[in-house]
Protein backbone atom coordinates (compact mmCIF):
# COMPACT_ATOMS: atom_id res chain seq x y z
CA MET A 1 -3.61 -111.15 64.09
CA LEU A 2 -6.58 -113.22 63.00
CA GLY A 3 -7.38 -113.20 59.30
CA PHE A 4 -10.93 -113.13 58.06
CA GLY A 5 -10.23 -113.80 54.39
CA ASN A 6 -12.15 -111.70 51.88
CA LYS A 7 -15.14 -111.08 54.13
CA ASP A 8 -14.95 -107.28 53.99
CA ILE A 9 -13.79 -106.98 50.38
CA PRO A 10 -16.45 -106.70 47.64
CA GLU A 11 -16.67 -109.83 45.50
CA LYS A 12 -15.98 -107.94 42.26
CA ILE A 13 -12.76 -106.57 43.73
CA VAL A 14 -11.66 -110.10 44.69
CA ARG A 15 -12.50 -111.48 41.23
CA LEU A 16 -10.44 -108.77 39.55
CA GLY A 17 -7.43 -109.50 41.74
CA LEU A 18 -7.52 -106.05 43.33
CA LYS A 19 -7.59 -107.06 47.01
CA LYS A 20 -4.22 -105.49 47.79
CA TRP A 21 -5.20 -102.28 46.02
CA TYR A 22 -8.54 -102.12 47.80
CA SER A 23 -6.97 -102.77 51.20
CA ALA A 24 -4.61 -99.83 50.68
CA LEU A 25 -7.44 -97.36 50.01
CA SER A 26 -8.41 -94.92 52.74
CA ASP A 27 -11.54 -95.78 54.71
CA SER A 28 -13.24 -92.75 53.16
CA ASN A 29 -12.50 -93.90 49.62
CA LYS A 30 -13.63 -97.45 50.42
CA VAL A 31 -16.98 -96.04 51.49
CA LYS A 32 -17.24 -93.92 48.33
CA LEU A 33 -16.22 -96.84 46.13
CA GLY A 34 -18.91 -98.92 47.83
CA ARG A 35 -21.55 -96.68 46.24
CA TYR A 36 -20.48 -97.72 42.76
CA VAL A 37 -19.18 -101.28 43.02
CA ASN A 38 -22.47 -103.11 42.45
CA ALA A 39 -23.18 -101.36 39.15
CA ALA A 40 -19.57 -101.34 37.96
CA ASP A 41 -18.42 -103.33 34.92
CA ALA A 42 -16.17 -106.08 36.26
CA SER A 43 -15.26 -107.58 32.86
CA SER A 44 -11.72 -106.21 33.28
CA VAL A 45 -9.74 -103.95 35.60
CA THR A 46 -9.86 -101.15 33.01
CA SER A 47 -13.62 -101.47 32.48
CA PHE A 48 -14.14 -101.52 36.24
CA ILE A 49 -12.14 -98.34 36.91
CA ILE A 50 -13.68 -96.47 33.97
CA SER A 51 -17.22 -97.44 34.97
CA VAL A 52 -16.56 -96.33 38.56
CA PHE A 53 -15.25 -93.00 37.24
CA ALA A 54 -18.38 -92.61 35.07
CA ALA A 55 -20.71 -93.31 37.99
CA ALA A 56 -18.79 -90.90 40.25
CA GLN A 57 -18.93 -88.28 37.50
CA GLU A 58 -22.72 -88.56 37.34
CA ASP A 59 -22.73 -88.21 41.12
CA HIS A 60 -20.56 -85.03 40.89
CA ASN A 61 -18.03 -86.86 43.07
CA TYR A 62 -15.09 -85.31 41.25
CA LYS A 63 -12.52 -85.35 44.04
CA PHE A 64 -13.06 -89.08 44.46
CA ILE A 65 -12.18 -89.62 40.79
CA ALA A 66 -8.99 -87.61 41.24
CA ASP A 67 -8.10 -89.51 44.43
CA LEU A 68 -8.84 -92.93 42.95
CA TYR A 69 -6.82 -92.21 39.81
CA GLY A 70 -3.83 -91.52 42.03
CA THR A 71 -3.96 -95.08 43.43
CA ILE A 72 -3.68 -97.07 40.19
CA GLY A 73 -0.08 -96.33 39.23
CA GLU A 74 1.11 -99.87 40.02
CA PHE A 75 -1.56 -101.61 37.95
CA LYS A 76 -0.17 -103.77 35.15
CA LEU A 77 -1.83 -102.16 32.16
CA SER A 78 -1.12 -101.76 28.46
CA ASP A 79 -0.59 -98.29 27.02
CA ILE A 80 -4.08 -98.47 25.51
CA GLU A 81 -5.60 -99.28 28.91
CA ARG A 82 -3.60 -96.52 30.59
CA PHE A 83 -4.78 -94.06 27.95
CA ASP A 84 -8.44 -95.00 28.39
CA ILE A 85 -8.29 -94.76 32.19
CA ASN A 86 -6.34 -91.50 32.06
CA ASP A 87 -8.78 -89.97 29.57
CA ALA A 88 -11.72 -91.02 31.74
CA ALA A 89 -10.10 -89.41 34.80
CA ILE A 90 -9.44 -86.06 33.10
CA LEU A 91 -13.05 -84.89 33.24
CA GLY A 92 -13.25 -85.56 36.99
CA VAL A 93 -9.94 -83.82 37.70
CA TYR A 94 -11.03 -80.83 35.60
CA ASN A 95 -14.36 -80.58 37.40
CA ALA A 96 -12.56 -80.85 40.73
CA GLU A 97 -10.84 -77.62 39.59
CA ASP A 98 -7.39 -79.16 39.97
CA TYR A 99 -6.22 -77.52 36.77
CA ASP A 100 -2.48 -78.09 37.17
CA ARG A 101 -3.06 -81.80 37.59
CA CYS A 102 -5.53 -81.76 34.70
CA VAL A 103 -2.78 -80.38 32.47
CA GLU A 104 -0.44 -83.15 33.67
CA LEU A 105 -3.01 -85.84 32.80
CA CYS A 106 -3.69 -84.24 29.43
CA GLU A 107 0.01 -84.13 28.55
CA TYR A 108 0.41 -87.75 29.68
CA GLY A 109 -2.48 -88.78 27.42
CA LEU A 110 -1.06 -86.86 24.48
CA GLY A 111 2.27 -88.57 25.09
CA LEU A 112 0.60 -91.97 24.96
CA LEU A 113 -0.97 -91.01 21.62
CA GLY A 114 2.56 -91.05 20.21
CA ASN A 115 2.22 -94.84 20.38
CA LYS A 116 0.66 -95.90 17.04
CA GLU A 117 -1.40 -98.64 18.68
CA VAL A 118 -2.91 -96.13 21.10
CA PHE A 119 -3.50 -93.59 18.32
CA ASP A 120 -5.21 -96.17 16.09
CA HIS A 121 -7.32 -97.37 19.05
CA VAL A 122 -8.54 -93.82 19.69
CA MET A 123 -9.16 -93.01 16.02
CA ALA A 124 -11.22 -96.20 15.62
CA LYS A 125 -13.80 -94.66 17.97
CA GLY A 126 -14.56 -92.00 15.35
CA ASN A 127 -15.81 -94.43 12.66
CA GLY A 128 -13.70 -92.78 9.98
CA ASP A 129 -13.72 -89.29 11.49
CA ILE A 130 -11.56 -87.80 14.24
CA PRO A 131 -13.49 -88.47 17.48
CA ASN A 132 -15.05 -85.51 19.30
CA GLU A 133 -14.39 -87.05 22.70
CA ILE A 134 -10.63 -87.01 23.24
CA ASN A 135 -10.39 -85.53 26.71
CA CYS A 136 -6.63 -85.01 26.76
CA ARG A 137 -6.98 -82.80 23.68
CA ASN A 138 -10.21 -81.04 24.63
CA TYR A 139 -9.50 -80.27 28.26
CA LEU A 140 -5.94 -79.10 27.73
CA LEU A 141 -7.37 -76.46 25.40
CA ASN A 142 -10.13 -75.71 27.94
CA VAL A 143 -7.59 -75.06 30.70
CA VAL A 144 -5.16 -73.06 28.56
CA VAL A 145 -7.82 -70.82 26.99
CA GLY A 146 -10.82 -70.97 29.30
CA ILE A 147 -9.05 -70.97 32.68
CA HIS A 148 -5.67 -69.32 32.10
CA PHE A 149 -6.75 -67.09 29.17
CA GLU A 150 -3.54 -67.90 27.27
CA TYR A 151 -4.94 -67.27 23.80
CA ASP A 152 -1.66 -67.44 21.86
CA GLU A 153 -0.85 -70.74 23.58
CA GLY A 154 -4.30 -71.95 22.55
CA ASP A 155 -3.48 -71.20 18.91
CA LYS A 156 -0.19 -73.09 19.25
CA LEU A 157 -2.01 -76.05 20.80
CA LEU A 158 -4.41 -76.24 17.86
CA LEU A 159 -1.47 -76.41 15.43
CA ARG A 160 0.16 -79.05 17.64
CA PHE A 161 -3.03 -81.11 17.59
CA GLN A 162 -3.20 -80.77 13.81
CA ASP A 163 0.38 -82.01 13.46
CA MET A 164 -0.54 -84.99 15.65
CA GLY A 165 -3.55 -85.83 13.49
CA LEU A 166 -5.98 -85.01 16.29
CA ILE A 167 -7.82 -82.20 14.51
CA THR A 168 -8.42 -81.18 10.89
CA ALA A 169 -7.13 -77.97 9.31
CA GLU A 170 -10.75 -76.85 8.89
CA ASP A 171 -11.45 -77.41 12.57
CA VAL A 172 -8.27 -75.51 13.51
CA GLU A 173 -9.60 -72.40 11.73
CA TYR A 174 -13.03 -72.81 13.27
CA ARG A 175 -11.59 -73.12 16.78
CA ARG A 176 -9.11 -70.28 16.25
CA ASN A 177 -12.03 -68.04 15.33
CA GLY A 178 -13.78 -69.25 18.47
CA ILE A 179 -10.75 -68.26 20.56
CA LYS A 180 -10.70 -64.81 18.89
CA THR A 181 -14.39 -64.32 19.68
CA PHE A 182 -13.88 -65.44 23.28
CA ARG A 183 -10.90 -63.10 23.63
CA LEU A 184 -12.83 -60.11 22.24
CA GLN A 185 -15.84 -60.87 24.42
CA ARG A 186 -13.67 -61.06 27.51
CA THR A 187 -11.90 -57.81 26.60
CA PHE A 188 -15.29 -56.14 26.14
CA ASP A 189 -16.53 -57.51 29.48
CA ASN A 190 -13.41 -56.21 31.26
CA VAL A 191 -13.83 -52.74 29.74
CA PHE A 192 -17.48 -52.73 30.77
CA ASN A 193 -16.59 -53.80 34.33
CA ILE A 194 -13.99 -51.01 34.63
CA LYS A 195 -16.55 -48.41 33.50
CA GLU A 196 -19.07 -49.74 36.01
CA LYS A 197 -16.53 -49.37 38.85
CA ASP A 198 -15.60 -45.84 37.73
CA GLN A 199 -19.22 -44.77 37.91
């Protein structure tokens, strides 16, 4: 078979040493990736993947994010890099409504936060406060409470996050009250819907 070098592989992919990875992508995902390559940050593999995820997110191309995340398992990455990529993928997987997989990614991210270097890296983004944007924390709670309506599990999660240093005691109370309000509202809506059907 004749080889044509890197002719059909985007230059940024070649520079990042991702030729083998790119070649293994499905034709469909190569086409989708092609939409985002030119604007992607090629300063590192991690920056490239995260910037592609961000562009796909803006494009509402959620399934592509989920698919692409599934191809990077063999990348040689530090725990910090894996955390950042995983956390960037969570939003796309959630919006693709793949909730079981979203929970898996959230638990993986929370596991990585057990590494002090990863934890310190994440906390540094808050400039002295606990960051608002920790997707593995936020979206696990979203799935448990907002999708599965497991309110008691939501309360347990908040206490777990507090023990991990991912939320303050004050915020735990605030969010627990939010869960109570959501639960009451949903109960009221269900009662109202039953009455409507009976009429």
